[in-house]
Each structure stands twice: as C-alpha cells, then as structure tokens.
Amino acid sequence: MKRYFGIGVVALALATTAGCAARGYSRFGPPPPPPPPREAMMYRHDGGRVWVPGYRRWTGHHYRWVEGRWMRPPRLDMVWVPGYREHRGGGYVWIEGYWR
C-alpha cells in the first residue's frame, strides 16, 4: 500500500511540474511600440498653452506617429498626463493622455 501511495505522490508531482513547464507566454494586443523619434518643440506662440508630446498610435496593423502639439488646457490649473501602456488581464492596453 505504501508503495502505491509513493508512486501516486511522484506521479502527481510530475504531472504538476509538466503542466507548469508546458505553459508558454501569450500576449494579447499589439506588440510594444518602437521608441519614439526625436521631436522638436515648435516655438510657443500663445501664452497659457501646454506642450502635449507625440505618441505612436496602433492602427490595427502597424504604429503611426502622431506629432506633438501645443494645446490650451480646459482650466488654467490643469496638467497634461501623457498616454501610457498599462498591464491588464494578461496583456497591455493603451490609456490615452488626459487633462488632470
């Protein structure tokens, strides 16, 4: 009886280990974007505007560069939070930039 119990424990351990080793890495969503190109800030024409940096937008097939621009905040006390990638549910999602 002890022999069968020992064989069962070893078989269970091997099955558990094999299951973990067989798992691969899966990624959902588009691949990570390439690094941003160097971007020159144009001369600031109007006071009260804030520079919003450019970013790469996923089109469904490839990334397209969206150039930075000067924007007027909705209120004077607001700041621009740039867009970023966030890990969610085994993949990454793009969070658009927003005023805070």
N, C-alpha and C. Protein backbone atom coordinates (compact mmCIF):
# COMPACT_ATOMS: atom_id res chain seq x y z
N MET A 1 0.82 -1.20 0.00
CA MET A 1 0.00 0.00 0.00
C MET A 1 0.86 1.26 0.00
N LYS A 2 1.95 1.24 0.82
CA LYS A 2 2.84 2.39 0.86
C LYS A 2 3.49 2.62 -0.50
N ARG A 3 3.77 1.54 -1.18
CA ARG A 3 4.42 1.65 -2.49
C ARG A 3 3.51 2.38 -3.48
N TYR A 4 2.23 2.03 -3.50
CA TYR A 4 1.29 2.67 -4.41
C TYR A 4 1.08 4.14 -4.05
N PHE A 5 1.07 4.43 -2.76
CA PHE A 5 0.93 5.81 -2.31
C PHE A 5 2.14 6.64 -2.78
N GLY A 6 3.33 6.09 -2.63
CA GLY A 6 4.56 6.77 -3.06
C GLY A 6 4.57 7.00 -4.56
N ILE A 7 4.14 6.00 -5.33
CA ILE A 7 4.07 6.14 -6.78
C ILE A 7 3.05 7.22 -7.15
N GLY A 8 1.94 7.27 -6.44
CA GLY A 8 0.90 8.29 -6.70
C GLY A 8 1.41 9.69 -6.42
N VAL A 9 2.17 9.85 -5.33
CA VAL A 9 2.71 11.16 -4.99
C VAL A 9 3.70 11.62 -6.06
N VAL A 10 4.58 10.71 -6.50
CA VAL A 10 5.56 11.05 -7.52
C VAL A 10 4.86 11.38 -8.84
N ALA A 11 3.85 10.60 -9.22
CA ALA A 11 3.11 10.85 -10.45
C ALA A 11 2.40 12.21 -10.40
N LEU A 12 1.82 12.54 -9.26
CA LEU A 12 1.15 13.83 -9.10
C LEU A 12 2.15 14.98 -9.20
N ALA A 13 3.31 14.81 -8.59
CA ALA A 13 4.34 15.85 -8.65
C ALA A 13 4.82 16.05 -10.09
N LEU A 14 5.04 14.96 -10.81
CA LEU A 14 5.48 15.07 -12.21
C LEU A 14 4.41 15.71 -13.08
N ALA A 15 3.17 15.35 -12.85
CA ALA A 15 2.08 15.92 -13.65
C ALA A 15 1.95 17.42 -13.41
N THR A 16 2.11 17.82 -12.17
CA THR A 16 2.01 19.25 -11.85
C THR A 16 3.17 20.01 -12.46
N THR A 17 4.37 19.47 -12.36
CA THR A 17 5.55 20.13 -12.92
C THR A 17 5.47 20.20 -14.43
N ALA A 18 5.03 19.15 -15.07
CA ALA A 18 4.92 19.13 -16.53
C ALA A 18 3.88 20.16 -17.00
N GLY A 19 2.81 20.31 -16.25
CA GLY A 19 1.79 21.29 -16.61
C GLY A 19 2.31 22.70 -16.56
N CYS A 20 3.16 22.99 -15.57
CA CYS A 20 3.73 24.33 -15.46
C CYS A 20 4.75 24.58 -16.57
N ALA A 21 5.54 23.57 -16.89
CA ALA A 21 6.58 23.75 -17.89
C ALA A 21 5.98 23.89 -19.29
N ALA A 22 4.80 23.31 -19.52
CA ALA A 22 4.21 23.34 -20.85
C ALA A 22 3.58 24.69 -21.17
N ARG A 23 3.34 25.50 -20.16
CA ARG A 23 2.71 26.79 -20.41
C ARG A 23 3.69 27.71 -21.11
N GLY A 24 3.20 28.43 -22.07
CA GLY A 24 4.02 29.42 -22.77
C GLY A 24 3.54 30.81 -22.45
N TYR A 25 4.30 31.77 -22.87
CA TYR A 25 3.90 33.16 -22.68
C TYR A 25 2.99 33.57 -23.82
N SER A 26 1.83 34.07 -23.48
CA SER A 26 0.93 34.57 -24.52
C SER A 26 0.69 36.05 -24.28
N ARG A 27 0.61 36.80 -25.34
CA ARG A 27 0.45 38.24 -25.25
C ARG A 27 -0.80 38.62 -26.03
N PHE A 28 -1.60 39.47 -25.46
CA PHE A 28 -2.80 39.95 -26.12
C PHE A 28 -2.57 41.39 -26.53
N GLY A 29 -3.09 41.75 -27.66
CA GLY A 29 -2.96 43.12 -28.14
C GLY A 29 -1.76 43.27 -29.05
N PRO A 30 -1.53 44.48 -29.48
CA PRO A 30 -0.43 44.73 -30.42
C PRO A 30 0.93 44.59 -29.73
N PRO A 31 1.98 44.43 -30.51
CA PRO A 31 3.32 44.38 -29.93
C PRO A 31 3.68 45.74 -29.35
N PRO A 32 4.69 45.80 -28.50
CA PRO A 32 5.07 47.11 -27.96
C PRO A 32 5.56 48.04 -29.07
N PRO A 33 5.30 49.33 -28.93
CA PRO A 33 5.71 50.26 -29.99
C PRO A 33 7.21 50.46 -30.00
N PRO A 34 7.75 50.86 -31.16
CA PRO A 34 9.17 51.20 -31.20
C PRO A 34 9.40 52.49 -30.41
N PRO A 35 10.64 52.80 -30.08
CA PRO A 35 10.89 54.03 -29.33
C PRO A 35 10.47 55.26 -30.13
N PRO A 36 10.05 56.31 -29.44
CA PRO A 36 9.60 57.50 -30.16
C PRO A 36 10.77 58.19 -30.87
N PRO A 37 10.49 58.83 -31.99
CA PRO A 37 11.56 59.58 -32.67
C PRO A 37 11.85 60.87 -31.90
N ARG A 38 12.96 61.49 -32.21
CA ARG A 38 13.25 62.79 -31.60
C ARG A 38 12.25 63.79 -32.15
N GLU A 39 11.71 64.57 -31.25
CA GLU A 39 10.67 65.52 -31.65
C GLU A 39 11.08 66.92 -31.20
N ALA A 40 11.01 67.87 -32.08
CA ALA A 40 11.35 69.25 -31.75
C ALA A 40 10.09 69.99 -31.35
N MET A 41 10.15 70.68 -30.21
CA MET A 41 9.04 71.52 -29.80
C MET A 41 9.10 72.80 -30.61
N MET A 42 8.01 73.12 -31.25
CA MET A 42 7.97 74.34 -32.05
C MET A 42 7.87 75.53 -31.11
N TYR A 43 8.16 76.69 -31.63
CA TYR A 43 8.10 77.92 -30.84
C TYR A 43 6.69 78.11 -30.29
N ARG A 44 6.63 78.49 -29.05
CA ARG A 44 5.35 78.71 -28.37
C ARG A 44 4.80 80.07 -28.76
N HIS A 45 3.68 80.09 -29.45
CA HIS A 45 3.12 81.34 -29.96
C HIS A 45 2.25 82.06 -28.94
N ASP A 46 1.50 81.32 -28.16
CA ASP A 46 0.49 81.92 -27.30
C ASP A 46 0.72 81.49 -25.86
N GLY A 47 0.68 82.43 -24.93
CA GLY A 47 0.80 82.09 -23.51
C GLY A 47 -0.37 81.24 -23.04
N GLY A 48 -0.14 80.41 -22.05
CA GLY A 48 -1.20 79.58 -21.49
C GLY A 48 -1.35 78.23 -22.16
N ARG A 49 -0.58 77.96 -23.20
CA ARG A 49 -0.66 76.66 -23.87
C ARG A 49 0.37 75.70 -23.29
N VAL A 50 0.08 74.41 -23.38
CA VAL A 50 0.95 73.36 -22.83
C VAL A 50 1.36 72.44 -23.96
N TRP A 51 2.64 72.02 -23.98
CA TRP A 51 3.12 71.09 -25.00
C TRP A 51 2.63 69.69 -24.68
N VAL A 52 1.91 69.07 -25.61
CA VAL A 52 1.45 67.69 -25.49
C VAL A 52 2.34 66.86 -26.40
N PRO A 53 3.18 65.96 -25.83
CA PRO A 53 4.14 65.22 -26.65
C PRO A 53 3.46 64.25 -27.60
N GLY A 54 4.17 63.90 -28.67
CA GLY A 54 3.66 62.93 -29.64
C GLY A 54 3.69 61.51 -29.09
N TYR A 55 3.04 60.61 -29.79
CA TYR A 55 2.98 59.21 -29.37
C TYR A 55 2.71 58.33 -30.60
N ARG A 56 2.90 57.05 -30.43
CA ARG A 56 2.62 56.10 -31.51
C ARG A 56 1.23 55.50 -31.31
N ARG A 57 0.39 55.62 -32.33
CA ARG A 57 -0.98 55.09 -32.28
C ARG A 57 -1.03 53.79 -33.08
N TRP A 58 -1.64 52.75 -32.51
CA TRP A 58 -1.81 51.47 -33.18
C TRP A 58 -2.99 51.56 -34.15
N THR A 59 -2.76 51.26 -35.43
CA THR A 59 -3.82 51.37 -36.44
C THR A 59 -4.54 50.05 -36.68
N GLY A 60 -4.09 48.99 -36.04
CA GLY A 60 -4.65 47.67 -36.29
C GLY A 60 -3.68 46.80 -37.04
N HIS A 61 -2.73 47.43 -37.73
CA HIS A 61 -1.71 46.69 -38.48
C HIS A 61 -0.30 47.14 -38.15
N HIS A 62 -0.14 48.41 -37.84
CA HIS A 62 1.18 48.95 -37.52
C HIS A 62 1.01 50.22 -36.68
N TYR A 63 2.12 50.76 -36.18
CA TYR A 63 2.08 52.00 -35.42
C TYR A 63 2.28 53.19 -36.35
N ARG A 64 1.54 54.26 -36.05
CA ARG A 64 1.66 55.51 -36.80
C ARG A 64 1.99 56.61 -35.80
N TRP A 65 2.97 57.45 -36.15
CA TRP A 65 3.39 58.52 -35.26
C TRP A 65 2.40 59.68 -35.31
N VAL A 66 1.93 60.11 -34.13
CA VAL A 66 1.08 61.29 -34.00
C VAL A 66 1.94 62.38 -33.40
N GLU A 67 2.13 63.47 -34.12
CA GLU A 67 3.04 64.53 -33.69
C GLU A 67 2.52 65.27 -32.47
N GLY A 68 3.47 65.79 -31.67
CA GLY A 68 3.12 66.60 -30.52
C GLY A 68 2.55 67.94 -30.96
N ARG A 69 1.91 68.64 -30.03
CA ARG A 69 1.28 69.91 -30.38
C ARG A 69 1.07 70.75 -29.12
N TRP A 70 0.87 72.02 -29.33
CA TRP A 70 0.53 72.92 -28.24
C TRP A 70 -0.97 72.90 -28.05
N MET A 71 -1.41 72.79 -26.80
CA MET A 71 -2.86 72.76 -26.51
C MET A 71 -3.16 73.69 -25.33
N ARG A 72 -4.33 74.24 -25.36
CA ARG A 72 -4.77 75.08 -24.25
C ARG A 72 -5.55 74.18 -23.28
N PRO A 73 -5.15 74.16 -22.00
CA PRO A 73 -5.88 73.33 -21.03
C PRO A 73 -7.30 73.83 -20.82
N PRO A 74 -8.22 72.93 -20.46
CA PRO A 74 -9.60 73.35 -20.20
C PRO A 74 -9.69 74.40 -19.08
N ARG A 75 -8.83 74.23 -18.06
CA ARG A 75 -8.73 75.21 -16.96
C ARG A 75 -7.26 75.50 -16.72
N LEU A 76 -6.93 76.65 -16.21
CA LEU A 76 -5.54 77.04 -16.02
C LEU A 76 -4.78 76.15 -15.03
N ASP A 77 -5.46 75.54 -14.07
CA ASP A 77 -4.78 74.73 -13.05
C ASP A 77 -4.60 73.26 -13.47
N MET A 78 -4.95 72.90 -14.69
CA MET A 78 -4.87 71.51 -15.13
C MET A 78 -3.52 71.22 -15.79
N VAL A 79 -3.07 69.95 -15.67
CA VAL A 79 -1.82 69.50 -16.29
C VAL A 79 -2.12 68.33 -17.21
N TRP A 80 -1.28 68.12 -18.22
CA TRP A 80 -1.45 67.04 -19.18
C TRP A 80 -0.74 65.79 -18.67
N VAL A 81 -1.46 64.68 -18.64
CA VAL A 81 -0.89 63.38 -18.30
C VAL A 81 -0.74 62.62 -19.61
N PRO A 82 0.51 62.33 -20.06
CA PRO A 82 0.70 61.65 -21.34
C PRO A 82 0.12 60.24 -21.34
N GLY A 83 -0.21 59.74 -22.53
CA GLY A 83 -0.71 58.38 -22.66
C GLY A 83 0.35 57.36 -22.26
N TYR A 84 -0.09 56.18 -21.86
CA TYR A 84 0.84 55.13 -21.43
C TYR A 84 0.20 53.76 -21.62
N ARG A 85 1.06 52.73 -21.64
CA ARG A 85 0.58 51.35 -21.72
C ARG A 85 0.42 50.80 -20.32
N GLU A 86 -0.68 50.09 -20.08
CA GLU A 86 -0.95 49.53 -18.76
C GLU A 86 -1.22 48.03 -18.89
N HIS A 87 -0.67 47.25 -17.96
CA HIS A 87 -0.85 45.80 -17.97
C HIS A 87 -2.23 45.48 -17.42
N ARG A 88 -3.03 44.75 -18.21
CA ARG A 88 -4.38 44.35 -17.79
C ARG A 88 -4.70 42.99 -18.37
N GLY A 89 -5.12 42.07 -17.53
CA GLY A 89 -5.62 40.77 -17.98
C GLY A 89 -4.70 40.00 -18.89
N GLY A 90 -3.43 39.93 -18.60
CA GLY A 90 -2.51 39.15 -19.40
C GLY A 90 -2.01 39.86 -20.64
N GLY A 91 -2.37 41.12 -20.83
CA GLY A 91 -1.91 41.87 -21.98
C GLY A 91 -1.73 43.33 -21.62
N TYR A 92 -1.58 44.16 -22.61
CA TYR A 92 -1.40 45.58 -22.39
C TYR A 92 -2.47 46.36 -23.15
N VAL A 93 -2.92 47.44 -22.54
CA VAL A 93 -3.88 48.33 -23.19
C VAL A 93 -3.29 49.73 -23.20
N TRP A 94 -3.67 50.53 -24.18
CA TRP A 94 -3.21 51.91 -24.28
C TRP A 94 -4.20 52.81 -23.57
N ILE A 95 -3.71 53.63 -22.65
CA ILE A 95 -4.51 54.62 -21.96
C ILE A 95 -4.19 55.96 -22.61
N GLU A 96 -5.18 56.60 -23.21
CA GLU A 96 -4.98 57.88 -23.88
C GLU A 96 -4.56 58.95 -22.87
N GLY A 97 -3.82 59.94 -23.35
CA GLY A 97 -3.45 61.06 -22.50
C GLY A 97 -4.71 61.84 -22.09
N TYR A 98 -4.62 62.54 -20.96
CA TYR A 98 -5.79 63.26 -20.47
C TYR A 98 -5.35 64.43 -19.60
N TRP A 99 -6.28 65.36 -19.39
CA TRP A 99 -6.06 66.52 -18.51
C TRP A 99 -6.45 66.13 -17.09
N ARG A 100 -5.58 66.53 -16.14
CA ARG A 100 -5.88 66.24 -14.73
C ARG A 100 -5.77 67.52 -13.95
